[in-house]
PDB file of N, CA and C in Angstrom:
ATOM      1  N   MET A   1      -8.760  20.983  -3.532  1.00  0.00           N
ATOM      2  CA  MET A   1     -10.178  20.734  -3.401  1.00  0.00           C
ATOM      3  C   MET A   1     -10.752  20.115  -4.674  1.00  0.00           C
ATOM      4  N   ALA A   2     -10.226  20.517  -5.815  1.00  0.00           N
ATOM      5  CA  ALA A   2     -10.710  19.963  -7.076  1.00  0.00           C
ATOM      6  C   ALA A   2     -10.378  18.475  -7.168  1.00  0.00           C
ATOM      7  N   ILE A   3      -9.225  18.085  -6.641  1.00  0.00           N
ATOM      8  CA  ILE A   3      -8.839  16.678  -6.667  1.00  0.00           C
ATOM      9  C   ILE A   3      -9.773  15.857  -5.782  1.00  0.00           C
ATOM     10  N   GLU A   4     -10.075  16.363  -4.597  1.00  0.00           N
ATOM     11  CA  GLU A   4     -10.978  15.631  -3.707  1.00  0.00           C
ATOM     12  C   GLU A   4     -12.368  15.499  -4.329  1.00  0.00           C
ATOM     13  N   GLU A   5     -12.808  16.515  -5.032  1.00  0.00           N
ATOM     14  CA  GLU A   5     -14.103  16.435  -5.715  1.00  0.00           C
ATOM     15  C   GLU A   5     -14.054  15.373  -6.819  1.00  0.00           C
ATOM     16  N   GLU A   6     -12.970  15.347  -7.559  1.00  0.00           N
ATOM     17  CA  GLU A   6     -12.813  14.341  -8.621  1.00  0.00           C
ATOM     18  C   GLU A   6     -12.771  12.937  -8.009  1.00  0.00           C
ATOM     19  N   ILE A   7     -12.089  12.790  -6.888  1.00  0.00           N
ATOM     20  CA  ILE A   7     -12.030  11.499  -6.202  1.00  0.00           C
ATOM     21  C   ILE A   7     -13.431  11.062  -5.770  1.00  0.00           C
ATOM     22  N   ARG A   8     -14.212  11.996  -5.277  1.00  0.00           N
ATOM     23  CA  ARG A   8     -15.599  11.687  -4.879  1.00  0.00           C
ATOM     24  C   ARG A   8     -16.422  11.194  -6.074  1.00  0.00           C
ATOM     25  N   ARG A   9     -16.139  11.737  -7.242  1.00  0.00           N
ATOM     26  CA  ARG A   9     -16.865  11.322  -8.446  1.00  0.00           C
ATOM     27  C   ARG A   9     -16.601   9.856  -8.785  1.00  0.00           C
ATOM     28  N   TRP A  10     -15.487   9.306  -8.305  1.00  0.00           N
ATOM     29  CA  TRP A  10     -15.102   7.926  -8.589  1.00  0.00           C
ATOM     30  C   TRP A  10     -15.553   6.958  -7.503  1.00  0.00           C
ATOM     31  N   ASN A  11     -16.332   7.424  -6.526  1.00  0.00           N
ATOM     32  CA  ASN A  11     -16.780   6.562  -5.424  1.00  0.00           C
ATOM     33  C   ASN A  11     -17.552   5.335  -5.918  1.00  0.00           C
ATOM     34  N   GLY A  12     -18.416   5.505  -6.881  1.00  0.00           N
ATOM     35  CA  GLY A  12     -19.183   4.371  -7.410  1.00  0.00           C
ATOM     36  C   GLY A  12     -18.281   3.317  -8.016  1.00  0.00           C
ATOM     37  N   PHE A  13     -17.282   3.757  -8.735  1.00  0.00           N
ATOM     38  CA  PHE A  13     -16.304   2.835  -9.319  1.00  0.00           C
ATOM     39  C   PHE A  13     -15.588   2.074  -8.210  1.00  0.00           C
ATOM     40  N   ALA A  14     -15.131   2.809  -7.201  1.00  0.00           N
ATOM     41  CA  ALA A  14     -14.389   2.202  -6.098  1.00  0.00           C
ATOM     42  C   ALA A  14     -15.248   1.177  -5.353  1.00  0.00           C
ATOM     43  N   LYS A  15     -16.507   1.481  -5.139  1.00  0.00           N
ATOM     44  CA  LYS A  15     -17.396   0.572  -4.411  1.00  0.00           C
ATOM     45  C   LYS A  15     -17.630  -0.733  -5.166  1.00  0.00           C
ATOM     46  N   ALA A  16     -17.528  -0.694  -6.487  1.00  0.00           N
ATOM     47  CA  ALA A  16     -17.767  -1.886  -7.301  1.00  0.00           C
ATOM     48  C   ALA A  16     -16.545  -2.799  -7.377  1.00  0.00           C
ATOM     49  N   LEU A  17     -15.406  -2.354  -6.895  1.00  0.00           N
ATOM     50  CA  LEU A  17     -14.179  -3.147  -6.969  1.00  0.00           C
ATOM     51  C   LEU A  17     -14.128  -4.222  -5.888  1.00  0.00           C
ATOM     52  N   ARG A  18     -13.413  -5.302  -6.209  1.00  0.00           N
ATOM     53  CA  ARG A  18     -13.132  -6.316  -5.184  1.00  0.00           C
ATOM     54  C   ARG A  18     -12.194  -5.710  -4.156  1.00  0.00           C
ATOM     55  N   ARG A  19     -12.146  -6.306  -2.978  1.00  0.00           N
ATOM     56  CA  ARG A  19     -11.356  -5.765  -1.864  1.00  0.00           C
ATOM     57  C   ARG A  19      -9.901  -5.509  -2.254  1.00  0.00           C
ATOM     58  N   GLU A  20      -9.244  -6.504  -2.877  1.00  0.00           N
ATOM     59  CA  GLU A  20      -7.831  -6.332  -3.234  1.00  0.00           C
ATOM     60  C   GLU A  20      -7.644  -5.271  -4.316  1.00  0.00           C
ATOM     61  N   ASP A  21      -8.611  -5.152  -5.214  1.00  0.00           N
ATOM     62  CA  ASP A  21      -8.540  -4.113  -6.239  1.00  0.00           C
ATOM     63  C   ASP A  21      -8.791  -2.740  -5.637  1.00  0.00           C
ATOM     64  N   LYS A  22      -9.692  -2.670  -4.670  1.00  0.00           N
ATOM     65  CA  LYS A  22      -9.992  -1.402  -4.004  1.00  0.00           C
ATOM     66  C   LYS A  22      -8.755  -0.875  -3.287  1.00  0.00           C
ATOM     67  N   GLU A  23      -8.003  -1.759  -2.676  1.00  0.00           N
ATOM     68  CA  GLU A  23      -6.772  -1.344  -2.001  1.00  0.00           C
ATOM     69  C   GLU A  23      -5.795  -0.718  -2.996  1.00  0.00           C
ATOM     70  N   ALA A  24      -5.648  -1.332  -4.153  1.00  0.00           N
ATOM     71  CA  ALA A  24      -4.769  -0.778  -5.188  1.00  0.00           C
ATOM     72  C   ALA A  24      -5.292   0.566  -5.679  1.00  0.00           C
ATOM     73  N   PHE A  25      -6.604   0.656  -5.873  1.00  0.00           N
ATOM     74  CA  PHE A  25      -7.215   1.908  -6.319  1.00  0.00           C
ATOM     75  C   PHE A  25      -7.003   3.011  -5.282  1.00  0.00           C
ATOM     76  N   ASP A  26      -7.195   2.667  -4.016  1.00  0.00           N
ATOM     77  CA  ASP A  26      -6.966   3.644  -2.943  1.00  0.00           C
ATOM     78  C   ASP A  26      -5.515   4.123  -2.921  1.00  0.00           C
ATOM     79  N   ASN A  27      -4.584   3.221  -3.199  1.00  0.00           N
ATOM     80  CA  ASN A  27      -3.168   3.619  -3.265  1.00  0.00           C
ATOM     81  C   ASN A  27      -2.928   4.626  -4.382  1.00  0.00           C
ATOM     82  N   LEU A  28      -3.594   4.424  -5.516  1.00  0.00           N
ATOM     83  CA  LEU A  28      -3.467   5.391  -6.614  1.00  0.00           C
ATOM     84  C   LEU A  28      -4.038   6.747  -6.217  1.00  0.00           C
ATOM     85  N   LEU A  29      -5.171   6.737  -5.535  1.00  0.00           N
ATOM     86  CA  LEU A  29      -5.765   8.000  -5.100  1.00  0.00           C
ATOM     87  C   LEU A  29      -4.888   8.692  -4.065  1.00  0.00           C
ATOM     88  N   ASP A  30      -4.220   7.905  -3.216  1.00  0.00           N
ATOM     89  CA  ASP A  30      -3.281   8.492  -2.262  1.00  0.00           C
ATOM     90  C   ASP A  30      -2.121   9.177  -2.986  1.00  0.00           C
ATOM     91  N   ALA A  31      -1.709   8.610  -4.122  1.00  0.00           N
ATOM     92  CA  ALA A  31      -0.657   9.241  -4.918  1.00  0.00           C
ATOM     93  C   ALA A  31      -1.130  10.600  -5.422  1.00  0.00           C
ATOM     94  N   CYS A  32      -2.398  10.682  -5.805  1.00  0.00           N
ATOM     95  CA  CYS A  32      -2.957  11.966  -6.253  1.00  0.00           C
ATOM     96  C   CYS A  32      -2.871  12.999  -5.142  1.00  0.00           C
ATOM     97  N   ARG A  33      -3.194  12.575  -3.957  1.00  0.00           N
ATOM     98  CA  ARG A  33      -3.141  13.493  -2.814  1.00  0.00           C
ATOM     99  C   ARG A  33      -1.691  13.892  -2.508  1.00  0.00           C
ATOM    100  N   SER A  34      -0.778  12.946  -2.646  1.00  0.00           N
ATOM    101  CA  SER A  34       0.633  13.219  -2.340  1.00  0.00           C
ATOM    102  C   SER A  34       1.233  14.278  -3.266  1.00  0.00           C
ATOM    103  N   TYR A  35       0.799  14.270  -4.508  1.00  0.00           N
ATOM    104  CA  TYR A  35       1.352  15.201  -5.489  1.00  0.00           C
ATOM    105  C   TYR A  35       0.378  16.327  -5.834  1.00  0.00           C
ATOM    106  N   ALA A  36      -0.591  16.588  -4.967  1.00  0.00           N
ATOM    107  CA  ALA A  36      -1.615  17.603  -5.243  1.00  0.00           C
ATOM    108  C   ALA A  36      -1.005  18.982  -5.447  1.00  0.00           C
ATOM    109  N   SER A  37       0.001  19.333  -4.660  1.00  0.00           N
ATOM    110  CA  SER A  37       0.585  20.668  -4.811  1.00  0.00           C
ATOM    111  C   SER A  37       1.310  20.790  -6.147  1.00  0.00           C
ATOM    112  N   ALA A  38       1.989  19.736  -6.578  1.00  0.00           N
ATOM    113  CA  ALA A  38       2.637  19.771  -7.886  1.00  0.00           C
ATOM    114  C   ALA A  38       1.584  19.850  -8.986  1.00  0.00           C
ATOM    115  N   GLY A  39       0.503  19.100  -8.818  1.00  0.00           N
ATOM    116  CA  GLY A  39      -0.575  19.122  -9.802  1.00  0.00           C
ATOM    117  C   GLY A  39      -1.240  20.476  -9.923  1.00  0.00           C
ATOM    118  N   SER A  40      -1.295  21.210  -8.814  1.00  0.00           N
ATOM    119  CA  SER A  40      -1.925  22.532  -8.867  1.00  0.00           C
ATOM    120  C   SER A  40      -1.074  23.524  -9.650  1.00  0.00           C
ATOM    121  N   ASN A  41       0.205  23.212  -9.834  1.00  0.00           N
ATOM    122  CA  ASN A  41       1.076  24.076 -10.625  1.00  0.00           C
ATOM    123  C   ASN A  41       0.976  23.806 -12.115  1.00  0.00           C
ATOM    124  N   ALA A  42       0.341  22.706 -12.483  1.00  0.00           N
ATOM    125  CA  ALA A  42       0.149  22.400 -13.900  1.00  0.00           C
ATOM    126  C   ALA A  42      -0.973  23.272 -14.446  1.00  0.00           C
ATOM    127  N   THR A  43      -0.869  23.597 -15.690  1.00  0.00           N
ATOM    128  CA  THR A  43      -1.896  24.450 -16.310  1.00  0.00           C
ATOM    129  C   THR A  43      -2.883  23.591 -17.086  1.00  0.00           C
ATOM    130  N   GLN A  44      -3.428  22.595 -16.408  1.00  0.00           N
ATOM    131  CA  GLN A  44      -4.375  21.682 -17.039  1.00  0.00           C
ATOM    132  C   GLN A  44      -5.794  22.100 -16.669  1.00  0.00           C
ATOM    133  N   PRO A  45      -6.690  22.108 -17.621  1.00  0.00           N
ATOM    134  CA  PRO A  45      -8.051  22.532 -17.326  1.00  0.00           C
ATOM    135  C   PRO A  45      -8.884  21.488 -16.586  1.00  0.00           C
ATOM    136  N   LEU A  46      -8.498  20.219 -16.659  1.00  0.00           N
ATOM    137  CA  LEU A  46      -9.277  19.148 -16.035  1.00  0.00           C
ATOM    138  C   LEU A  46      -8.505  18.558 -14.859  1.00  0.00           C
ATOM    139  N   PRO A  47      -9.132  18.405 -13.694  1.00  0.00           N
ATOM    140  CA  PRO A  47      -8.435  17.857 -12.527  1.00  0.00           C
ATOM    141  C   PRO A  47      -7.907  16.440 -12.746  1.00  0.00           C
ATOM    142  N   ILE A  48      -8.544  15.681 -13.623  1.00  0.00           N
ATOM    143  CA  ILE A  48      -8.136  14.291 -13.835  1.00  0.00           C
ATOM    144  C   ILE A  48      -6.736  14.204 -14.453  1.00  0.00           C
ATOM    145  N   GLU A  49      -6.320  15.216 -15.211  1.00  0.00           N
ATOM    146  CA  GLU A  49      -5.011  15.146 -15.877  1.00  0.00           C
ATOM    147  C   GLU A  49      -3.853  15.165 -14.884  1.00  0.00           C
ATOM    148  N   PRO A  50      -3.772  16.105 -13.954  1.00  0.00           N
ATOM    149  CA  PRO A  50      -2.687  16.013 -12.971  1.00  0.00           C
ATOM    150  C   PRO A  50      -2.836  14.797 -12.056  1.00  0.00           C
ATOM    151  N   MET A  51      -4.079  14.342 -11.858  1.00  0.00           N
ATOM    152  CA  MET A  51      -4.279  13.130 -11.064  1.00  0.00           C
ATOM    153  C   MET A  51      -3.645  11.936 -11.760  1.00  0.00           C
ATOM    154  N   MET A  52      -3.881  11.802 -13.049  1.00  0.00           N
ATOM    155  CA  MET A  52      -3.301  10.690 -13.808  1.00  0.00           C
ATOM    156  C   MET A  52      -1.778  10.778 -13.822  1.00  0.00           C
ATOM    157  N   MET A  53      -1.251  11.981 -13.977  1.00  0.00           N
ATOM    158  CA  MET A  53       0.204  12.150 -13.965  1.00  0.00           C
ATOM    159  C   MET A  53       0.761  11.774 -12.594  1.00  0.00           C
ATOM    160  N   SER A  54       0.068  12.120 -11.535  1.00  0.00           N
ATOM    161  CA  SER A  54       0.500  11.750 -10.183  1.00  0.00           C
ATOM    162  C   SER A  54       0.536  10.238 -10.026  1.00  0.00           C
ATOM    163  N   MET A  55      -0.488   9.571 -10.548  1.00  0.00           N
ATOM    164  CA  MET A  55      -0.535   8.111 -10.472  1.00  0.00           C
ATOM    165  C   MET A  55       0.622   7.498 -11.254  1.00  0.00           C
ATOM    166  N   LEU A  56       0.848   8.004 -12.452  1.00  0.00           N
ATOM    167  CA  LEU A  56       1.948   7.492 -13.267  1.00  0.00           C
ATOM    168  C   LEU A  56       3.295   7.730 -12.598  1.00  0.00           C
ATOM    169  N   LEU A  57       3.478   8.905 -12.040  1.00  0.00           N
ATOM    170  CA  LEU A  57       4.729   9.214 -11.351  1.00  0.00           C
ATOM    171  C   LEU A  57       4.948   8.267 -10.180  1.00  0.00           C
ATOM    172  N   SER A  58       3.910   8.025  -9.410  1.00  0.00           N
ATOM    173  CA  SER A  58       4.003   7.123  -8.278  1.00  0.00           C
ATOM    174  C   SER A  58       4.396   5.716  -8.727  1.00  0.00           C
ATOM    175  N   LEU A  59       3.773   5.243  -9.792  1.00  0.00           N
ATOM    176  CA  LEU A  59       4.087   3.914 -10.314  1.00  0.00           C
ATOM    177  C   LEU A  59       5.496   3.853 -10.877  1.00  0.00           C
ATOM    178  N   GLN A  60       5.931   4.915 -11.553  1.00  0.00           N
ATOM    179  CA  GLN A  60       7.284   4.956 -12.102  1.00  0.00           C
ATOM    180  C   GLN A  60       8.330   4.927 -10.991  1.00  0.00           C
ATOM    181  N   ILE A  61       8.079   5.666  -9.927  1.00  0.00           N
ATOM    182  CA  ILE A  61       8.990   5.661  -8.782  1.00  0.00           C
ATOM    183  C   ILE A  61       9.094   4.249  -8.216  1.00  0.00           C
ATOM    184  N   ARG A  62       7.963   3.578  -8.089  1.00  0.00           N
ATOM    185  CA  ARG A  62       7.975   2.206  -7.552  1.00  0.00           C
ATOM    186  C   ARG A  62       8.710   1.256  -8.490  1.00  0.00           C
ATOM    187  N   LEU A  63       8.498   1.401  -9.799  1.00  0.00           N
ATOM    188  CA  LEU A  63       9.210   0.564 -10.768  1.00  0.00           C
ATOM    189  C   LEU A  63      10.718   0.762 -10.669  1.00  0.00           C
ATOM    190  N   GLN A  64      11.144   2.009 -10.546  1.00  0.00           N
ATOM    191  CA  GLN A  64      12.571   2.284 -10.427  1.00  0.00           C
ATOM    192  C   GLN A  64      13.143   1.685  -9.144  1.00  0.00           C
ATOM    193  N   GLN A  65      12.385   1.768  -8.071  1.00  0.00           N
ATOM    194  CA  GLN A  65      12.820   1.186  -6.804  1.00  0.00           C
ATOM    195  C   GLN A  65      12.962  -0.331  -6.934  1.00  0.00           C
ATOM    196  N   LEU A  66      11.989  -0.971  -7.555  1.00  0.00           N
ATOM    197  CA  LEU A  66      12.052  -2.414  -7.751  1.00  0.00           C
ATOM    198  C   LEU A  66      13.206  -2.799  -8.663  1.00  0.00           C
ATOM    199  N   GLN A  67      13.473  -1.977  -9.688  1.00  0.00           N
ATOM    200  CA  GLN A  67      14.590  -2.258 -10.591  1.00  0.00           C
ATOM    201  C   GLN A  67      15.918  -2.189  -9.844  1.00  0.00           C
ATOM    202  N   ARG A  68      16.070  -1.190  -8.959  1.00  0.00           N
ATOM    203  CA  ARG A  68      17.291  -1.092  -8.158  1.00  0.00           C
ATOM    204  C   ARG A  68      17.445  -2.316  -7.262  1.00  0.00           C
ATOM    205  N   GLU A  69      16.346  -2.744  -6.642  1.00  0.00           N
ATOM    206  CA  GLU A  69      16.385  -3.926  -5.788  1.00  0.00           C
ATOM    207  C   GLU A  69      16.745  -5.169  -6.589  1.00  0.00           C
ATOM    208  N   LEU A  70      16.194  -5.299  -7.783  1.00  0.00           N
ATOM    209  CA  LEU A  70      16.513  -6.431  -8.650  1.00  0.00           C
ATOM    210  C   LEU A  70      17.986  -6.408  -9.040  1.00  0.00           C
ATOM    211  N   ASP A  71      18.476  -5.232  -9.392  1.00  0.00           N
ATOM    212  CA  ASP A  71      19.900  -5.100  -9.742  1.00  0.00           C
ATOM    213  C   ASP A  71      20.796  -5.490  -8.570  1.00  0.00           C
ATOM    214  N   GLU A  72      20.423  -5.069  -7.371  1.00  0.00           N
ATOM    215  CA  GLU A  72      21.198  -5.433  -6.178  1.00  0.00           C
ATOM    216  C   GLU A  72      21.189  -6.943  -5.961  1.00  0.00           C
ATOM    217  N   LEU A  73      20.036  -7.570  -6.163  1.00  0.00           N
ATOM    218  CA  LEU A  73      19.947  -9.023  -6.030  1.00  0.00           C
ATOM    219  C   LEU A  73      20.834  -9.728  -7.049  1.00  0.00           C
ATOM    220  N   LYS A  74      20.821  -9.230  -8.287  1.00  0.00           N
ATOM    221  CA  LYS A  74      21.646  -9.834  -9.325  1.00  0.00           C
ATOM    222  C   LYS A  74      23.119  -9.734  -8.967  1.00  0.00           C
ATOM    223  N   HIS A  75      23.543  -8.591  -8.449  1.00  0.00           N
ATOM    224  CA  HIS A  75      24.949  -8.392  -8.122  1.00  0.00           C
ATOM    225  C   HIS A  75      25.361  -9.150  -6.866  1.00  0.00           C
ATOM    226  N   SER A  76      24.455  -9.294  -5.927  1.00  0.00           N
ATOM    227  CA  SER A  76      24.809  -9.962  -4.673  1.00  0.00           C
ATOM    228  C   SER A  76      24.642 -11.477  -4.737  1.00  0.00           C
ATOM    229  N   SER A  77      23.911 -11.985  -5.724  1.00  0.00           N
ATOM    230  CA  SER A  77      23.643 -13.416  -5.787  1.00  0.00           C
ATOM    231  C   SER A  77      24.833 -14.209  -6.298  1.00  0.00           C
ATOM    232  N   ASN A  78      25.730 -13.575  -7.047  1.00  0.00           N
ATOM    233  CA  ASN A  78      26.903 -14.264  -7.612  1.00  0.00           C
ATOM    234  C   ASN A  78      26.518 -15.541  -8.336  1.00  0.00           C
ATOM    235  N   GLY A  79      25.415 -15.499  -9.047  1.00  0.00           N
ATOM    236  CA  GLY A  79      25.000 -16.648  -9.833  1.00  0.00           C
ATOM    237  C   GLY A  79      24.216 -17.687  -9.061  1.00  0.00           C
ATOM    238  N   ASN A  80      23.979 -17.493  -7.779  1.00  0.00           N
ATOM    239  CA  ASN A  80      23.237 -18.478  -6.990  1.00  0.00           C
ATOM    240  C   ASN A  80      21.747 -18.454  -7.275  1.00  0.00           C
ATOM    241  N   VAL A  81      21.251 -17.332  -7.725  1.00  0.00           N
ATOM    242  CA  VAL A  81      19.828 -17.200  -8.024  1.00  0.00           C
ATOM    243  C   VAL A  81      19.691 -16.880  -9.498  1.00  0.00           C
ATOM    244  N   ALA A  82      18.886 -17.632 -10.201  1.00  0.00           N
ATOM    245  CA  ALA A  82      18.679 -17.393 -11.625  1.00  0.00           C
ATOM    246  C   ALA A  82      17.704 -16.242 -11.806  1.00  0.00           C
ATOM    247  N   ILE A  83      18.206 -15.153 -12.354  1.00  0.00           N
ATOM    248  CA  ILE A  83      17.381 -13.983 -12.625  1.00  0.00           C
ATOM    249  C   ILE A  83      17.566 -13.638 -14.093  1.00  0.00           C
ATOM    250  N   HIS A  84      16.480 -13.398 -14.794  1.00  0.00           N
ATOM    251  CA  HIS A  84      16.559 -13.059 -16.213  1.00  0.00           C
ATOM    252  C   HIS A  84      17.338 -11.762 -16.384  1.00  0.00           C
ATOM    253  N   GLU A  85      18.259 -11.765 -17.321  1.00  0.00           N
ATOM    254  CA  GLU A  85      19.086 -10.594 -17.566  1.00  0.00           C
ATOM    255  C   GLU A  85      18.336  -9.497 -18.303  1.00  0.00           C
ATOM    256  N   ASN A  86      17.433  -9.859 -19.178  1.00  0.00           N
ATOM    257  CA  ASN A  86      16.718  -8.858 -19.967  1.00  0.00           C
ATOM    258  C   ASN A  86      15.235  -8.914 -19.650  1.00  0.00           C
ATOM    259  N   VAL A  87      14.703  -7.787 -19.175  1.00  0.00           N
ATOM    260  CA  VAL A  87      13.282  -7.665 -18.906  1.00  0.00           C
ATOM    261  C   VAL A  87      12.772  -6.567 -19.823  1.00  0.00           C
ATOM    262  N   GLN A  88      11.830  -6.909 -20.674  1.00  0.00           N
ATOM    263  CA  GLN A  88      11.287  -5.922 -21.603  1.00  0.00           C
ATOM    264  C   GLN A  88      10.340  -4.990 -20.880  1.00  0.00           C
ATOM    265  N   GLY A  89      10.544  -3.693 -21.017  1.00  0.00           N
ATOM    266  CA  GLY A  89       9.667  -2.697 -20.424  1.00  0.00           C
ATOM    267  C   GLY A  89       8.839  -2.013 -21.488  1.00  0.00           C
ATOM    268  N   CYS A  90       8.187  -0.964 -21.118  1.00  0.00           N
ATOM    269  CA  CYS A  90       7.369  -0.186 -22.038  1.00  0.00           C
ATOM    270  C   CYS A  90       8.235   0.391 -23.134  1.00  0.00           C
ATOM    271  N   GLY A  91       7.735   0.398 -24.323  1.00  0.00           N
ATOM    272  CA  GLY A  91       8.442   0.998 -25.437  1.00  0.00           C
ATOM    273  C   GLY A  91       9.650   0.197 -25.895  1.00  0.00           C
ATOM    274  N   GLY A  92       9.730  -1.061 -25.511  1.00  0.00           N
ATOM    275  CA  GLY A  92      10.827  -1.897 -25.954  1.00  0.00           C
ATOM    276  C   GLY A  92      12.118  -1.664 -25.212  1.00  0.00           C
ATOM    277  N   THR A  93      12.090  -0.874 -24.165  1.00  0.00           N
ATOM    278  CA  THR A  93      13.286  -0.596 -23.397  1.00  0.00           C
ATOM    279  C   THR A  93      13.688  -1.833 -22.612  1.00  0.00           C
ATOM    280  N   THR A  94      14.943  -2.170 -22.650  1.00  0.00           N
ATOM    281  CA  THR A  94      15.442  -3.300 -21.871  1.00  0.00           C
ATOM    282  C   THR A  94      16.023  -2.782 -20.582  1.00  0.00           C
ATOM    283  N   TYR A  95      15.580  -3.344 -19.471  1.00  0.00           N
ATOM    284  CA  TYR A  95      16.058  -2.934 -18.154  1.00  0.00           C
ATOM    285  C   TYR A  95      17.025  -3.952 -17.627  1.00  0.00           C
TER     286      TYR A  95
END
């Protein structure tokens, strides 16, 4: 319930977004709802903190999925498709 209340507090922000941005924002809020039970186990005093962690987790999962797909493309292309070997990620990590 605290997450839904926090989401309601962001309604003005959401209404000001362009349509394509609103869709992305809604996807982030859906991630908050998806991980609400995990967030309730955190000992954070502010609802926004587990919400942000849920959003980050959702994005990290998607990044890992895309990285696996990219790796599969690199291995299956046998040099037919030019794909950069080194992609710089956060913190200087090379993927």
